[in-house]
Amino acid sequence: MDVAKLGELERAVMEVLWARAEPATVRAVHEELADRGLAYTTVMTVLTRLAAKGVVRRKRSGRAWLYAPAASREEHVAELMLEALEMTGDRDSALVRFAQSVTNDEADALRKALERGESP
């Protein structure tokens, strides 16, 4: 999956998909974003681009495409974090700075996950 940062409209579309239990058609996503006044073709283009990036999966259902996230919101954010770590020349220092910025509850959650040996 290409985890490049999503644009504002791409994020809005992904929020719709992440909130759904089932894959969605372009029409369903368009309806969810009705308050934005977007053209149907704009939503279709965004979904097509997200599919090309590997951020969403799509499959045919009759004449329509059904779109679903390729990964959960949490998996996507974790991939972005790992990508950001790859950009630094000093991964350890970046991790230390990050660890210093988390709340005590977040630090406890990380500590517990590490103790359990959790991995993606």
N, C-alpha and C. Protein backbone atom coordinates (compact mmCIF):
# COMPACT_ATOMS: atom_id res chain seq x y z
N MET A 1 0.85 -1.18 0.00
CA MET A 1 0.00 0.00 0.00
C MET A 1 0.88 1.23 0.00
N ASP A 2 0.57 2.18 -0.82
CA ASP A 2 1.25 3.48 -0.83
C ASP A 2 0.66 4.30 0.30
N VAL A 3 1.48 4.62 1.28
CA VAL A 3 0.95 5.33 2.44
C VAL A 3 1.28 6.82 2.40
N ALA A 4 1.46 7.33 1.20
CA ALA A 4 1.69 8.76 1.09
C ALA A 4 0.57 9.50 1.79
N LYS A 5 0.91 10.66 2.32
CA LYS A 5 -0.09 11.45 3.02
C LYS A 5 -1.29 11.69 2.11
N LEU A 6 -2.46 11.59 2.71
CA LEU A 6 -3.68 11.81 1.96
C LEU A 6 -4.03 13.28 1.97
N GLY A 7 -4.58 13.75 0.86
CA GLY A 7 -5.08 15.10 0.79
C GLY A 7 -6.36 15.22 1.61
N GLU A 8 -6.84 16.43 1.80
CA GLU A 8 -8.01 16.68 2.63
C GLU A 8 -9.25 15.94 2.11
N LEU A 9 -9.48 15.97 0.82
CA LEU A 9 -10.64 15.29 0.25
C LEU A 9 -10.47 13.77 0.32
N GLU A 10 -9.25 13.30 0.08
CA GLU A 10 -8.99 11.86 0.21
C GLU A 10 -9.25 11.39 1.64
N ARG A 11 -8.83 12.18 2.61
CA ARG A 11 -9.08 11.83 4.01
C ARG A 11 -10.58 11.78 4.30
N ALA A 12 -11.33 12.73 3.77
CA ALA A 12 -12.78 12.74 3.99
C ALA A 12 -13.42 11.48 3.41
N VAL A 13 -12.99 11.09 2.22
CA VAL A 13 -13.51 9.87 1.59
C VAL A 13 -13.13 8.66 2.43
N MET A 14 -11.89 8.62 2.90
CA MET A 14 -11.45 7.49 3.71
C MET A 14 -12.22 7.42 5.03
N GLU A 15 -12.53 8.56 5.62
CA GLU A 15 -13.31 8.56 6.87
C GLU A 15 -14.67 7.91 6.63
N VAL A 16 -15.27 8.19 5.48
CA VAL A 16 -16.56 7.55 5.15
C VAL A 16 -16.37 6.04 5.06
N LEU A 17 -15.34 5.60 4.36
CA LEU A 17 -15.12 4.16 4.18
C LEU A 17 -14.76 3.48 5.50
N TRP A 18 -13.91 4.12 6.30
CA TRP A 18 -13.54 3.53 7.59
C TRP A 18 -14.73 3.41 8.53
N ALA A 19 -15.70 4.29 8.41
CA ALA A 19 -16.86 4.28 9.30
C ALA A 19 -17.87 3.20 8.91
N ARG A 20 -17.73 2.63 7.74
CA ARG A 20 -18.70 1.65 7.25
C ARG A 20 -18.22 0.23 7.53
N ALA A 21 -19.18 -0.65 7.79
CA ALA A 21 -18.86 -2.06 8.00
C ALA A 21 -18.73 -2.81 6.67
N GLU A 22 -19.35 -2.28 5.63
CA GLU A 22 -19.39 -2.93 4.33
C GLU A 22 -18.78 -2.03 3.27
N PRO A 23 -18.31 -2.61 2.16
CA PRO A 23 -17.83 -1.77 1.05
C PRO A 23 -18.93 -0.84 0.54
N ALA A 24 -18.52 0.25 -0.07
CA ALA A 24 -19.48 1.27 -0.51
C ALA A 24 -19.32 1.57 -2.00
N THR A 25 -20.41 1.94 -2.61
CA THR A 25 -20.39 2.41 -3.99
C THR A 25 -19.99 3.88 -4.00
N VAL A 26 -19.65 4.39 -5.17
CA VAL A 26 -19.37 5.81 -5.32
C VAL A 26 -20.59 6.61 -4.87
N ARG A 27 -21.77 6.16 -5.27
CA ARG A 27 -23.00 6.87 -4.90
C ARG A 27 -23.15 6.98 -3.39
N ALA A 28 -22.88 5.89 -2.66
CA ALA A 28 -23.02 5.90 -1.21
C ALA A 28 -22.03 6.88 -0.57
N VAL A 29 -20.80 6.88 -1.05
CA VAL A 29 -19.79 7.82 -0.53
C VAL A 29 -20.19 9.24 -0.86
N HIS A 30 -20.65 9.46 -2.10
CA HIS A 30 -21.09 10.78 -2.53
C HIS A 30 -22.22 11.29 -1.62
N GLU A 31 -23.16 10.42 -1.31
CA GLU A 31 -24.28 10.81 -0.44
C GLU A 31 -23.80 11.17 0.96
N GLU A 32 -22.81 10.43 1.48
CA GLU A 32 -22.26 10.72 2.81
C GLU A 32 -21.56 12.08 2.84
N LEU A 33 -21.04 12.50 1.70
CA LEU A 33 -20.31 13.77 1.62
C LEU A 33 -21.17 14.88 1.02
N ALA A 34 -22.48 14.70 1.02
CA ALA A 34 -23.39 15.65 0.37
C ALA A 34 -23.23 17.07 0.87
N ASP A 35 -22.91 17.25 2.14
CA ASP A 35 -22.77 18.59 2.70
C ASP A 35 -21.60 19.37 2.11
N ARG A 36 -20.72 18.69 1.41
CA ARG A 36 -19.57 19.35 0.78
C ARG A 36 -19.88 19.89 -0.61
N GLY A 37 -21.01 19.47 -1.17
CA GLY A 37 -21.39 19.95 -2.50
C GLY A 37 -20.48 19.44 -3.61
N LEU A 38 -19.96 18.25 -3.46
CA LEU A 38 -19.06 17.67 -4.46
C LEU A 38 -19.83 17.05 -5.61
N ALA A 39 -19.27 17.12 -6.78
CA ALA A 39 -19.84 16.43 -7.93
C ALA A 39 -19.61 14.93 -7.77
N TYR A 40 -20.55 14.15 -8.26
CA TYR A 40 -20.42 12.69 -8.24
C TYR A 40 -19.10 12.28 -8.89
N THR A 41 -18.76 12.91 -10.00
CA THR A 41 -17.53 12.55 -10.72
C THR A 41 -16.28 12.87 -9.91
N THR A 42 -16.35 13.86 -9.05
CA THR A 42 -15.20 14.18 -8.19
C THR A 42 -14.96 13.05 -7.21
N VAL A 43 -16.03 12.56 -6.59
CA VAL A 43 -15.90 11.45 -5.65
C VAL A 43 -15.42 10.20 -6.38
N MET A 44 -15.94 9.96 -7.58
CA MET A 44 -15.51 8.82 -8.37
C MET A 44 -14.01 8.91 -8.69
N THR A 45 -13.54 10.09 -9.05
CA THR A 45 -12.12 10.28 -9.36
C THR A 45 -11.25 10.05 -8.14
N VAL A 46 -11.68 10.57 -6.99
CA VAL A 46 -10.91 10.38 -5.76
C VAL A 46 -10.82 8.89 -5.41
N LEU A 47 -11.92 8.17 -5.50
CA LEU A 47 -11.91 6.74 -5.21
C LEU A 47 -11.04 5.97 -6.20
N THR A 48 -11.09 6.35 -7.46
CA THR A 48 -10.25 5.69 -8.47
C THR A 48 -8.78 5.92 -8.16
N ARG A 49 -8.43 7.13 -7.77
CA ARG A 49 -7.03 7.44 -7.43
C ARG A 49 -6.59 6.72 -6.16
N LEU A 50 -7.47 6.64 -5.17
CA LEU A 50 -7.14 5.90 -3.95
C LEU A 50 -6.93 4.42 -4.25
N ALA A 51 -7.71 3.88 -5.18
CA ALA A 51 -7.53 2.48 -5.58
C ALA A 51 -6.19 2.31 -6.29
N ALA A 52 -5.82 3.26 -7.14
CA ALA A 52 -4.53 3.19 -7.84
C ALA A 52 -3.37 3.27 -6.86
N LYS A 53 -3.53 4.02 -5.78
CA LYS A 53 -2.50 4.13 -4.75
C LYS A 53 -2.45 2.92 -3.83
N GLY A 54 -3.48 2.07 -3.91
CA GLY A 54 -3.54 0.90 -3.04
C GLY A 54 -4.12 1.19 -1.67
N VAL A 55 -4.71 2.36 -1.48
CA VAL A 55 -5.29 2.74 -0.20
C VAL A 55 -6.67 2.12 -0.03
N VAL A 56 -7.37 1.92 -1.14
CA VAL A 56 -8.66 1.22 -1.12
C VAL A 56 -8.60 0.05 -2.09
N ARG A 57 -9.45 -0.92 -1.83
CA ARG A 57 -9.63 -2.04 -2.75
C ARG A 57 -10.99 -1.85 -3.40
N ARG A 58 -11.10 -2.30 -4.63
CA ARG A 58 -12.40 -2.22 -5.28
C ARG A 58 -12.70 -3.50 -6.01
N LYS A 59 -14.00 -3.80 -6.08
CA LYS A 59 -14.44 -4.98 -6.82
C LYS A 59 -15.75 -4.66 -7.48
N ARG A 60 -16.00 -5.33 -8.59
CA ARG A 60 -17.24 -5.12 -9.35
C ARG A 60 -18.41 -5.76 -8.63
N SER A 61 -19.52 -5.05 -8.67
CA SER A 61 -20.79 -5.58 -8.18
C SER A 61 -21.84 -5.14 -9.20
N GLY A 62 -22.09 -6.00 -10.16
CA GLY A 62 -22.98 -5.61 -11.26
C GLY A 62 -22.29 -4.55 -12.09
N ARG A 63 -22.95 -3.40 -12.25
CA ARG A 63 -22.37 -2.32 -13.04
C ARG A 63 -21.55 -1.36 -12.19
N ALA A 64 -21.64 -1.48 -10.88
CA ALA A 64 -20.97 -0.54 -9.99
C ALA A 64 -19.71 -1.15 -9.38
N TRP A 65 -18.81 -0.29 -8.94
CA TRP A 65 -17.65 -0.70 -8.17
C TRP A 65 -17.98 -0.56 -6.70
N LEU A 66 -17.49 -1.49 -5.89
CA LEU A 66 -17.58 -1.40 -4.44
C LEU A 66 -16.19 -1.10 -3.90
N TYR A 67 -16.10 -0.12 -3.02
CA TYR A 67 -14.82 0.32 -2.47
C TYR A 67 -14.75 0.03 -0.98
N ALA A 68 -13.58 -0.43 -0.53
CA ALA A 68 -13.35 -0.69 0.89
C ALA A 68 -11.91 -0.32 1.21
N PRO A 69 -11.66 0.10 2.43
CA PRO A 69 -10.28 0.43 2.81
C PRO A 69 -9.37 -0.80 2.68
N ALA A 70 -8.16 -0.58 2.23
CA ALA A 70 -7.19 -1.67 2.15
C ALA A 70 -6.63 -1.99 3.53
N ALA A 71 -6.73 -1.03 4.45
CA ALA A 71 -6.25 -1.22 5.82
C ALA A 71 -7.13 -0.39 6.75
N SER A 72 -7.11 -0.75 8.01
CA SER A 72 -7.86 0.02 8.99
C SER A 72 -7.21 1.40 9.15
N ARG A 73 -7.94 2.31 9.75
CA ARG A 73 -7.41 3.65 10.03
C ARG A 73 -6.13 3.52 10.86
N GLU A 74 -6.16 2.65 11.86
CA GLU A 74 -5.00 2.47 12.74
C GLU A 74 -3.79 1.91 11.99
N GLU A 75 -4.04 0.95 11.11
CA GLU A 75 -2.94 0.40 10.30
C GLU A 75 -2.36 1.47 9.38
N HIS A 76 -3.23 2.28 8.81
CA HIS A 76 -2.79 3.34 7.91
C HIS A 76 -1.91 4.34 8.66
N VAL A 77 -2.36 4.77 9.83
CA VAL A 77 -1.59 5.74 10.62
C VAL A 77 -0.26 5.13 11.04
N ALA A 78 -0.26 3.87 11.44
CA ALA A 78 1.00 3.21 11.82
C ALA A 78 1.98 3.19 10.65
N GLU A 79 1.48 2.92 9.45
CA GLU A 79 2.34 2.93 8.26
C GLU A 79 2.92 4.32 8.00
N LEU A 80 2.09 5.36 8.20
CA LEU A 80 2.59 6.73 8.05
C LEU A 80 3.70 7.02 9.06
N MET A 81 3.51 6.55 10.29
CA MET A 81 4.53 6.75 11.32
C MET A 81 5.83 6.04 10.95
N LEU A 82 5.72 4.83 10.46
CA LEU A 82 6.93 4.09 10.05
C LEU A 82 7.61 4.78 8.87
N GLU A 83 6.81 5.28 7.94
CA GLU A 83 7.37 6.00 6.80
C GLU A 83 8.11 7.26 7.26
N ALA A 84 7.55 7.96 8.24
CA ALA A 84 8.20 9.15 8.78
C ALA A 84 9.52 8.77 9.46
N LEU A 85 9.54 7.65 10.17
CA LEU A 85 10.79 7.20 10.80
C LEU A 85 11.87 6.90 9.76
N GLU A 86 11.46 6.39 8.62
CA GLU A 86 12.42 6.08 7.55
C GLU A 86 13.07 7.35 6.99
N MET A 87 12.38 8.49 7.14
CA MET A 87 12.91 9.74 6.58
C MET A 87 13.98 10.37 7.46
N THR A 88 14.09 9.93 8.70
CA THR A 88 15.07 10.53 9.60
C THR A 88 16.42 9.84 9.46
N GLY A 89 17.46 10.61 9.70
CA GLY A 89 18.79 10.03 9.67
C GLY A 89 19.13 9.32 10.97
N ASP A 90 18.36 9.61 12.01
CA ASP A 90 18.61 9.05 13.33
C ASP A 90 17.29 8.54 13.90
N ARG A 91 16.97 7.32 13.55
CA ARG A 91 15.69 6.72 13.94
C ARG A 91 15.53 6.66 15.46
N ASP A 92 16.61 6.31 16.18
CA ASP A 92 16.54 6.22 17.63
C ASP A 92 16.17 7.56 18.26
N SER A 93 16.81 8.63 17.80
CA SER A 93 16.51 9.96 18.35
C SER A 93 15.07 10.35 18.06
N ALA A 94 14.59 10.03 16.86
CA ALA A 94 13.20 10.34 16.51
C ALA A 94 12.24 9.57 17.41
N LEU A 95 12.55 8.31 17.68
CA LEU A 95 11.70 7.51 18.56
C LEU A 95 11.69 8.08 19.98
N VAL A 96 12.86 8.50 20.46
CA VAL A 96 12.94 9.09 21.79
C VAL A 96 12.11 10.37 21.86
N ARG A 97 12.23 11.22 20.86
CA ARG A 97 11.44 12.46 20.83
C ARG A 97 9.95 12.14 20.82
N PHE A 98 9.56 11.15 20.04
CA PHE A 98 8.16 10.75 20.00
C PHE A 98 7.72 10.26 21.37
N ALA A 99 8.51 9.38 21.98
CA ALA A 99 8.16 8.83 23.29
C ALA A 99 8.03 9.92 24.34
N GLN A 100 8.83 10.97 24.24
CA GLN A 100 8.75 12.07 25.19
C GLN A 100 7.49 12.90 25.00
N SER A 101 6.86 12.79 23.85
CA SER A 101 5.69 13.61 23.56
C SER A 101 4.37 12.93 23.88
N VAL A 102 4.38 11.64 24.20
CA VAL A 102 3.14 10.93 24.47
C VAL A 102 2.70 11.13 25.91
N THR A 103 1.41 10.96 26.14
CA THR A 103 0.87 11.06 27.50
C THR A 103 1.27 9.82 28.30
N ASN A 104 1.07 9.87 29.59
CA ASN A 104 1.36 8.70 30.44
C ASN A 104 0.50 7.50 30.04
N ASP A 105 -0.78 7.75 29.72
CA ASP A 105 -1.65 6.65 29.30
C ASP A 105 -1.16 6.03 27.99
N GLU A 106 -0.73 6.87 27.05
CA GLU A 106 -0.20 6.37 25.78
C GLU A 106 1.09 5.58 26.00
N ALA A 107 1.95 6.08 26.90
CA ALA A 107 3.20 5.38 27.21
C ALA A 107 2.89 4.02 27.84
N ASP A 108 1.88 3.97 28.73
CA ASP A 108 1.48 2.70 29.33
C ASP A 108 0.98 1.73 28.27
N ALA A 109 0.19 2.22 27.33
CA ALA A 109 -0.32 1.36 26.26
C ALA A 109 0.83 0.80 25.42
N LEU A 110 1.81 1.64 25.10
CA LEU A 110 2.98 1.18 24.35
C LEU A 110 3.78 0.15 25.15
N ARG A 111 3.98 0.44 26.41
CA ARG A 111 4.75 -0.47 27.28
C ARG A 111 4.06 -1.83 27.35
N LYS A 112 2.75 -1.83 27.55
CA LYS A 112 2.00 -3.09 27.63
C LYS A 112 2.08 -3.87 26.32
N ALA A 113 1.97 -3.16 25.21
CA ALA A 113 2.05 -3.83 23.89
C ALA A 113 3.42 -4.46 23.69
N LEU A 114 4.47 -3.74 24.09
CA LEU A 114 5.83 -4.27 23.95
C LEU A 114 6.04 -5.48 24.87
N GLU A 115 5.50 -5.42 26.08
CA GLU A 115 5.64 -6.54 27.01
C GLU A 115 4.93 -7.79 26.50
N ARG A 116 3.81 -7.60 25.83
CA ARG A 116 3.06 -8.74 25.26
C ARG A 116 3.67 -9.23 23.96
N GLY A 117 4.63 -8.45 23.44
CA GLY A 117 5.26 -8.84 22.17
C GLY A 117 4.35 -8.66 20.99
N GLU A 118 3.41 -7.71 21.09
CA GLU A 118 2.48 -7.48 19.98
C GLU A 118 3.22 -6.94 18.79
N SER A 119 2.81 -7.39 17.64
CA SER A 119 3.35 -6.88 16.39
C SER A 119 2.22 -6.77 15.41
N PRO A 120 2.42 -5.92 14.37
CA PRO A 120 1.34 -5.73 13.39
C PRO A 120 1.01 -7.00 12.65
